[in-house]
Amino acid sequence: SHFAARGRGCDRMTLGVINGNPAMRLYKRFGFEVNKTDCCDEAITTCVITCFFGRPYGLCHPNWGGSDMTKRLGEAPAAQAVER
């Protein structure tokens, strides 16, 4: 969680998401941003996802592959208001 990461001295949290996953909208609302990648990163990520998960959205889907999302932990967590 955000608090555990801050307690360990971390300044950001990163997660990997399969492109096209509807949960990406939720992660963005909680402050995560998609990291920019180059074409080599995209190709390697797509190959790894295909090897481990197959083609989760079908053959040649425009959103296949994956993205890393990062949230800086300097600000107060948005989830705090939701948990109360």
Protein backbone atom coordinates (compact mmCIF):
# COMPACT_ATOMS: atom_id res chain seq x y z
CA SER A 1 0.00 0.00 0.00
CA HIS A 2 0.90 3.66 -0.25
CA PHE A 3 1.58 3.92 3.49
CA ALA A 4 3.76 0.79 3.60
CA ALA A 5 5.84 2.07 0.68
CA ARG A 6 6.32 5.47 2.33
CA GLY A 7 7.23 3.72 5.58
CA ARG A 8 10.01 1.89 3.74
CA GLY A 9 11.36 5.16 2.36
CA CYS A 10 10.09 4.65 -1.21
CA ASP A 11 9.32 7.74 -3.26
CA ARG A 12 7.21 6.02 -5.96
CA MET A 13 5.15 2.95 -6.73
CA THR A 14 5.23 1.18 -10.09
CA LEU A 15 2.91 -1.46 -11.50
CA GLY A 16 2.65 -3.31 -14.79
CA VAL A 17 -0.66 -3.40 -16.63
CA ILE A 18 -1.75 -5.17 -19.81
CA ASN A 19 -2.76 -2.48 -22.31
CA GLY A 20 -6.50 -2.24 -22.75
CA ASN A 21 -7.18 -3.31 -19.17
CA PRO A 22 -10.14 -1.21 -17.95
CA ALA A 23 -8.45 -0.91 -14.53
CA MET A 24 -5.98 1.58 -16.07
CA ARG A 25 -8.65 4.28 -15.67
CA LEU A 26 -8.86 3.51 -11.95
CA TYR A 27 -5.08 3.61 -11.57
CA LYS A 28 -5.00 7.00 -13.32
CA ARG A 29 -7.63 8.34 -10.92
CA PHE A 30 -5.39 7.28 -8.04
CA GLY A 31 -2.46 9.23 -9.47
CA PHE A 32 -0.62 6.65 -11.58
CA GLU A 33 0.74 7.79 -14.95
CA VAL A 34 1.73 5.62 -17.91
CA ASN A 35 5.50 5.63 -18.40
CA LYS A 36 6.71 6.57 -21.87
CA THR A 37 8.54 3.78 -23.70
CA ASP A 38 10.37 3.38 -26.97
CA CYS A 39 9.53 0.86 -29.68
CA CYS A 40 12.08 -1.68 -28.37
CA ASP A 41 10.47 -1.69 -24.91
CA GLU A 42 7.05 -2.10 -26.49
CA ALA A 43 8.19 -5.02 -28.65
CA ILE A 44 9.86 -6.84 -25.75
CA THR A 45 6.89 -6.28 -23.43
CA THR A 46 4.48 -7.53 -26.10
CA CYS A 47 6.56 -10.70 -26.62
CA VAL A 48 6.74 -11.42 -22.89
CA ILE A 49 2.99 -10.90 -22.41
CA THR A 50 2.22 -13.09 -25.43
CA CYS A 51 4.48 -15.88 -24.10
CA PHE A 52 2.96 -15.85 -20.61
CA PHE A 53 -0.66 -14.82 -21.23
CA GLY A 54 -1.32 -15.48 -24.91
CA ARG A 55 -3.22 -12.76 -26.73
CA PRO A 56 -5.62 -11.42 -24.07
CA TYR A 57 -7.46 -9.16 -26.53
CA GLY A 58 -7.18 -11.17 -29.74
CA LEU A 59 -4.82 -11.27 -32.67
CA CYS A 60 -3.33 -7.91 -33.72
CA HIS A 61 -5.43 -5.92 -31.27
CA PRO A 62 -4.23 -2.27 -31.26
CA ASN A 63 -3.83 -2.32 -27.46
CA TRP A 64 -1.84 -5.50 -27.08
CA GLY A 65 1.30 -5.34 -25.01
CA GLY A 66 1.73 -3.76 -21.61
CA SER A 67 2.59 -0.55 -19.84
CA ASP A 68 4.32 0.37 -16.64
CA MET A 69 2.51 2.95 -14.54
CA THR A 70 4.19 5.02 -11.83
CA LYS A 71 2.87 7.13 -8.98
CA ARG A 72 5.07 9.50 -7.03
CA LEU A 73 4.40 9.21 -3.31
CA GLY A 74 5.06 12.80 -2.30
CA GLU A 75 1.37 13.76 -2.34
CA ALA A 76 -1.35 12.51 -0.03
CA PRO A 77 -2.95 9.31 -1.38
CA ALA A 78 -6.31 9.71 -3.13
CA ALA A 79 -7.45 6.37 -1.66
CA GLN A 80 -7.51 7.87 1.83
CA ALA A 81 -10.82 9.62 1.14
CA VAL A 82 -12.31 6.39 -0.26
CA GLU A 83 -11.31 4.22 2.71
CA ARG A 84 -13.06 6.27 5.40
